[in-house]
Amino acid sequence: MSKEPSQYSPVGEVDDDEAKPFHSGAEGFPATPPSPLKSRFLRLPSWLSHGILVCTSLLFFTLWMETGSTYVHEHLPIYSPASIVVESQVVRFNGTLDFPSIYRGHPSPELDAAWARISHDVRPTRMTLDQMLRAGEVNSPSKVKYPEKYGGGFMATLESTHQLHCLNLLRKASWLEYYESIEPSFQNTPEVIRMHLDHCIEMIRHNTMCNADVTMITWDWVKGRTSPYPNFNTRHQCRNFEKILDWATTHAVHIPKSEVTPLEDTVELPLPFHHATNHHDHDG
């Protein structure tokens, strides 16, 4: 792609103000004479004054870049060690209502295995202290750390697998007669189950709005219908999920759960919801 012509002149081609007389201002008003400071600046050698201007510009640009913003620029994404495998690809969604998929249908061991492969059942990975700080996290004494004999670092999981876990839980809730007795999340009190499901709905809402898809859906006239029908078979710009999943599998931490325990200096956070008794671990 060819570069667009610059709108600015190179620094070396800026006119030398010292060689120009002061002209009258707009509408015939006399121009204001330069201040003593400006006069001294104008008497500096041309290369030195230009150098000062360049250094000053770089200083202000650096300060601007380091200033906190209320939003994250798309070209400055939030850091993740998995970003190195992110690859863009165009995918056509098949949104036909009865289109077969390995992720839909009547519950079965095969269906559960397909969801388990892509969701929260993926083993956690680790982040170094530097990676965690680059991601904007704080080195809190409540953070889960791996024992040094297993390489140390902080426990971490991909947000995408958490979101798919939430979607999977909603799928299971729609087949409650099958999963009610075998899904651990449904063994809690009704209040905790409801809270977990609402949490998952909220997380999926957050993600859908955060990654607001602007792909256009066209509408067609379909036989047997008196109103237009949406064509959900649309092309989308997607991330190659299999590559991200491969990264998560490659970097998975294989440590016995019994070895992941609080350290002596660990400070536990309060339970993030008020149902503090008679519940199973909330993993969503």
Protein backbone atom coordinates (compact mmCIF):
# COMPACT_ATOMS: atom_id res chain seq x y z
CA MET A 1 0.00 0.00 0.00
CA SER A 2 1.54 3.30 -1.09
CA LYS A 3 2.14 5.97 1.47
CA GLU A 4 0.06 9.12 1.34
CA PRO A 5 2.06 12.33 0.82
CA SER A 6 2.90 14.03 4.06
CA GLN A 7 0.97 17.16 5.00
CA TYR A 8 3.98 18.54 6.83
CA SER A 9 7.33 19.78 5.66
CA PRO A 10 10.48 18.11 6.94
CA VAL A 11 12.06 19.92 9.86
CA GLY A 12 15.08 20.87 7.76
CA GLU A 13 12.87 22.76 5.30
CA VAL A 14 11.18 25.07 7.81
CA ASP A 15 11.70 28.70 6.84
CA ASP A 16 14.25 30.60 8.90
CA ASP A 17 12.30 33.26 10.80
CA GLU A 18 15.49 35.24 11.40
CA ALA A 19 15.81 35.98 7.69
CA LYS A 20 12.26 37.41 7.41
CA PRO A 21 11.07 40.86 8.40
CA PHE A 22 8.04 41.23 10.69
CA HIS A 23 4.93 41.95 8.64
CA SER A 24 1.73 43.65 9.61
CA GLY A 25 -0.96 41.55 11.24
CA ALA A 26 -4.35 40.75 9.75
CA GLU A 27 -6.49 43.59 8.49
CA GLY A 28 -3.61 46.04 8.58
CA PHE A 29 -2.95 45.96 12.34
CA PRO A 30 0.74 46.13 13.19
CA ALA A 31 2.28 42.87 14.22
CA THR A 32 3.28 42.41 17.87
CA PRO A 33 7.07 42.60 18.30
CA PRO A 34 8.68 39.43 19.58
CA SER A 35 9.28 39.01 23.31
CA PRO A 36 12.90 39.05 24.62
CA LEU A 37 12.73 35.26 25.12
CA LYS A 38 11.51 34.72 21.57
CA SER A 39 14.18 37.08 20.27
CA ARG A 40 16.90 35.06 21.98
CA PHE A 41 15.35 31.85 20.57
CA LEU A 42 15.29 33.30 17.07
CA ARG A 43 18.99 34.19 17.34
CA LEU A 44 19.90 30.54 17.99
CA PRO A 45 21.47 28.61 15.13
CA SER A 46 18.81 27.10 12.88
CA TRP A 47 19.87 23.49 13.58
CA LEU A 48 19.75 24.06 17.35
CA SER A 49 16.30 25.67 17.36
CA HIS A 50 14.96 22.87 15.19
CA GLY A 51 16.48 20.29 17.54
CA ILE A 52 14.79 21.93 20.53
CA LEU A 53 11.45 21.87 18.72
CA VAL A 54 11.84 18.18 17.88
CA CYS A 55 12.83 17.22 21.45
CA THR A 56 9.93 19.23 22.89
CA SER A 57 7.49 17.55 20.51
CA LEU A 58 8.78 14.10 21.43
CA LEU A 59 8.50 14.94 25.15
CA PHE A 60 4.87 16.02 24.86
CA PHE A 61 4.04 13.01 22.67
CA THR A 62 5.54 10.67 25.28
CA LEU A 63 3.60 12.34 28.09
CA TRP A 64 0.40 12.07 26.04
CA MET A 65 0.97 8.37 25.35
CA GLU A 66 1.47 7.66 29.08
CA THR A 67 -1.62 9.58 30.15
CA GLY A 68 -4.50 7.34 31.23
CA SER A 69 -7.50 7.19 28.92
CA THR A 70 -11.13 6.35 29.48
CA TYR A 71 -10.95 3.79 26.70
CA VAL A 72 -8.44 1.50 25.04
CA HIS A 73 -7.42 2.29 21.48
CA GLU A 74 -7.87 -0.62 19.10
CA HIS A 75 -4.23 -0.36 18.04
CA LEU A 76 -3.14 -0.60 21.71
CA PRO A 77 -4.92 -3.76 22.89
CA ILE A 78 -4.85 -5.00 26.45
CA TYR A 79 -1.83 -7.27 26.83
CA SER A 80 -2.19 -11.05 26.87
CA PRO A 81 0.57 -13.63 26.44
CA ALA A 82 -1.80 -15.46 24.07
CA SER A 83 -1.88 -12.50 21.66
CA ILE A 84 1.09 -13.95 19.77
CA VAL A 85 -1.14 -16.64 18.22
CA VAL A 86 -4.12 -14.44 17.35
CA GLU A 87 -4.81 -14.85 13.64
CA SER A 88 -7.64 -13.25 11.72
CA GLN A 89 -9.81 -15.24 9.35
CA VAL A 90 -13.10 -14.80 7.51
CA VAL A 91 -15.79 -17.27 8.57
CA ARG A 92 -19.29 -17.67 7.20
CA PHE A 93 -21.73 -18.44 10.00
CA ASN A 94 -24.34 -21.03 9.13
CA GLY A 95 -27.35 -19.65 10.95
CA THR A 96 -29.92 -21.93 9.38
CA LEU A 97 -32.31 -22.80 12.21
CA ASP A 98 -31.96 -26.57 11.90
CA PHE A 99 -28.34 -26.73 10.70
CA PRO A 100 -26.56 -29.67 12.41
CA SER A 101 -23.57 -28.95 14.64
CA ILE A 102 -21.39 -30.90 17.05
CA TYR A 103 -22.37 -28.31 19.66
CA ARG A 104 -26.15 -28.69 19.45
CA GLY A 105 -28.76 -31.37 19.81
CA HIS A 106 -30.01 -33.77 22.45
CA PRO A 107 -27.52 -34.21 25.33
CA SER A 108 -25.02 -37.02 24.95
CA PRO A 109 -21.47 -37.85 26.09
CA GLU A 110 -20.18 -36.86 22.64
CA LEU A 111 -21.92 -33.48 22.82
CA ASP A 112 -20.59 -32.83 26.33
CA ALA A 113 -17.08 -33.76 25.20
CA ALA A 114 -17.25 -31.26 22.33
CA TRP A 115 -18.23 -28.46 24.72
CA ALA A 116 -15.69 -29.51 27.35
CA ARG A 117 -12.87 -29.21 24.80
CA ILE A 118 -13.57 -25.53 24.13
CA SER A 119 -14.88 -24.30 27.45
CA HIS A 120 -13.90 -23.89 31.09
CA ASP A 121 -12.63 -27.46 31.30
CA VAL A 122 -9.45 -26.30 29.54
CA ARG A 123 -6.61 -26.43 32.08
CA PRO A 124 -5.39 -23.11 33.51
CA THR A 125 -2.14 -21.62 32.33
CA ARG A 126 0.31 -19.33 34.11
CA MET A 127 1.43 -15.71 33.91
CA THR A 128 4.70 -14.28 35.10
CA LEU A 129 4.70 -11.21 37.33
CA ASP A 130 5.82 -9.06 34.39
CA GLN A 131 3.03 -10.41 32.18
CA MET A 132 0.44 -9.82 34.88
CA LEU A 133 1.54 -6.23 35.41
CA ARG A 134 1.58 -5.62 31.64
CA ALA A 135 -2.02 -6.86 31.55
CA GLY A 136 -2.97 -4.17 34.07
CA GLU A 137 -3.39 -6.53 37.02
CA VAL A 138 -2.09 -5.82 40.51
CA ASN A 139 0.29 -8.10 42.41
CA SER A 140 -2.19 -8.62 45.22
CA PRO A 141 -1.48 -11.02 48.13
CA SER A 142 -4.77 -12.72 47.22
CA LYS A 143 -3.51 -13.84 43.79
CA VAL A 144 -3.12 -17.61 43.37
CA LYS A 145 0.54 -18.52 42.92
CA TYR A 146 1.95 -21.86 41.82
CA PRO A 147 4.57 -23.49 44.05
CA GLU A 148 8.13 -22.67 43.03
CA LYS A 149 8.90 -26.37 42.54
CA TYR A 150 6.35 -26.30 39.69
CA GLY A 151 7.78 -23.17 38.09
CA GLY A 152 6.00 -20.50 40.11
CA GLY A 153 3.94 -17.81 38.42
CA PHE A 154 0.30 -16.88 38.78
CA MET A 155 -2.74 -18.98 37.88
CA ALA A 156 -4.61 -17.66 34.84
CA THR A 157 -7.25 -18.79 32.36
CA LEU A 158 -8.47 -17.43 29.04
CA GLU A 159 -11.57 -15.25 29.16
CA SER A 160 -12.89 -16.97 26.02
CA THR A 161 -13.06 -20.33 27.76
CA HIS A 162 -14.91 -18.77 30.68
CA GLN A 163 -17.45 -17.24 28.32
CA LEU A 164 -17.93 -20.59 26.58
CA HIS A 165 -18.35 -22.22 29.98
CA CYS A 166 -21.17 -19.76 30.64
CA LEU A 167 -22.79 -20.51 27.30
CA ASN A 168 -22.46 -24.22 28.00
CA LEU A 169 -24.14 -23.81 31.38
CA LEU A 170 -27.09 -22.04 29.74
CA ARG A 171 -27.27 -24.89 27.22
CA LYS A 172 -27.40 -27.38 30.06
CA ALA A 173 -30.08 -25.36 31.80
CA SER A 174 -32.22 -25.67 28.68
CA TRP A 175 -31.95 -29.48 29.08
CA LEU A 176 -32.47 -29.44 32.83
CA GLU A 177 -34.21 -32.83 32.98
CA TYR A 178 -30.98 -34.41 31.67
CA TYR A 179 -28.35 -32.37 33.55
CA GLU A 180 -30.05 -31.54 36.84
CA SER A 181 -28.73 -34.64 38.61
CA ILE A 182 -25.26 -34.80 36.99
CA GLU A 183 -24.11 -31.18 36.63
CA PRO A 184 -22.29 -29.96 39.80
CA SER A 185 -23.42 -26.38 39.22
CA PHE A 186 -27.02 -27.50 39.62
CA GLN A 187 -26.36 -29.08 43.04
CA ASN A 188 -26.40 -25.71 44.80
CA THR A 189 -29.31 -23.95 46.44
CA PRO A 190 -31.88 -22.45 44.04
CA GLU A 191 -30.63 -18.95 44.91
CA VAL A 192 -27.02 -19.78 43.96
CA ILE A 193 -28.08 -21.59 40.78
CA ARG A 194 -30.13 -18.56 39.73
CA MET A 195 -27.22 -16.25 40.57
CA HIS A 196 -24.82 -18.39 38.51
CA LEU A 197 -27.13 -18.41 35.49
CA ASP A 198 -27.71 -14.65 35.73
CA HIS A 199 -23.95 -14.14 36.01
CA CYS A 200 -23.45 -16.12 32.80
CA ILE A 201 -26.13 -14.16 30.97
CA GLU A 202 -24.45 -10.95 32.11
CA MET A 203 -20.98 -12.08 31.00
CA ILE A 204 -22.27 -13.03 27.54
CA ARG A 205 -24.05 -9.68 27.32
CA HIS A 206 -20.82 -7.88 28.25
CA ASN A 207 -18.86 -9.78 25.62
CA THR A 208 -21.45 -9.29 22.88
CA MET A 209 -21.60 -5.54 23.48
CA CYS A 210 -17.82 -5.23 23.94
CA ASN A 211 -17.17 -6.92 20.59
CA ALA A 212 -20.20 -5.35 18.90
CA ASP A 213 -20.42 -7.16 15.57
CA VAL A 214 -21.27 -4.73 12.77
CA THR A 215 -21.73 -7.43 10.13
CA MET A 216 -24.90 -6.64 8.17
CA ILE A 217 -27.72 -9.19 8.05
CA THR A 218 -29.80 -9.04 4.88
CA TRP A 219 -33.45 -10.06 4.65
CA ASP A 220 -35.25 -12.17 2.05
CA TRP A 221 -38.75 -13.02 0.92
CA VAL A 222 -39.37 -16.66 1.78
CA LYS A 223 -42.14 -18.95 0.58
CA GLY A 224 -44.93 -19.42 3.08
CA ARG A 225 -44.17 -16.17 4.94
CA THR A 226 -45.87 -12.84 4.54
CA SER A 227 -43.04 -10.87 6.15
CA PRO A 228 -39.27 -10.66 5.41
CA TYR A 229 -37.00 -13.33 6.90
CA PRO A 230 -33.40 -12.68 8.08
CA ASN A 231 -30.50 -14.45 6.36
CA PHE A 232 -28.24 -15.51 9.22
CA ASN A 233 -25.63 -17.08 6.88
CA THR A 234 -23.23 -14.15 7.08
CA ARG A 235 -19.49 -13.63 6.69
CA HIS A 236 -17.56 -12.50 9.77
CA GLN A 237 -14.03 -11.40 10.61
CA CYS A 238 -13.04 -13.89 13.31
CA ARG A 239 -10.06 -14.96 15.34
CA ASN A 240 -8.79 -18.45 14.67
CA PHE A 241 -10.09 -20.10 17.82
CA GLU A 242 -8.29 -23.40 17.21
CA LYS A 243 -4.92 -21.63 17.30
CA ILE A 244 -5.83 -19.94 20.58
CA LEU A 245 -7.02 -23.27 21.98
CA ASP A 246 -3.75 -24.91 20.88
CA TRP A 247 -1.85 -22.17 22.71
CA ALA A 248 -3.90 -22.79 25.87
CA THR A 249 -3.29 -26.54 25.62
CA THR A 250 0.44 -26.09 25.03
CA HIS A 251 0.79 -23.70 27.97
CA ALA A 252 -1.50 -25.61 30.32
CA VAL A 253 -0.13 -26.13 33.82
CA HIS A 254 -0.21 -29.75 34.95
CA ILE A 255 -0.14 -29.52 38.73
CA PRO A 256 -2.16 -31.64 41.15
CA LYS A 257 -4.99 -29.58 42.64
CA SER A 258 -3.78 -30.59 46.09
CA GLU A 259 -0.51 -28.74 45.41
CA VAL A 260 -2.22 -25.44 44.65
CA THR A 261 -2.73 -24.08 48.16
CA PRO A 262 -2.55 -20.62 49.80
CA LEU A 263 0.94 -19.47 50.75
CA GLU A 264 1.87 -18.19 54.19
CA ASP A 265 1.52 -14.55 53.15
CA THR A 266 -1.76 -15.05 51.27
CA VAL A 267 -4.57 -12.65 52.10
CA GLU A 268 -7.97 -14.07 51.19
CA LEU A 269 -10.62 -11.81 49.70
CA PRO A 270 -14.17 -11.85 51.04
CA LEU A 271 -16.63 -14.07 49.19
CA PRO A 272 -17.86 -12.08 46.15
CA PHE A 273 -21.51 -12.89 46.85
CA HIS A 274 -23.66 -13.02 49.97
CA HIS A 275 -24.59 -16.74 49.92
CA ALA A 276 -21.63 -17.70 52.05
CA THR A 277 -22.93 -21.04 53.31
CA ASN A 278 -24.21 -24.31 51.88
CA HIS A 279 -22.88 -23.88 48.36
CA HIS A 280 -20.44 -25.59 46.05
CA ASP A 281 -17.51 -23.71 44.54
CA HIS A 282 -18.70 -21.22 41.97
CA ASP A 283 -16.40 -21.66 38.97
CA GLY A 284 -18.06 -19.26 36.59
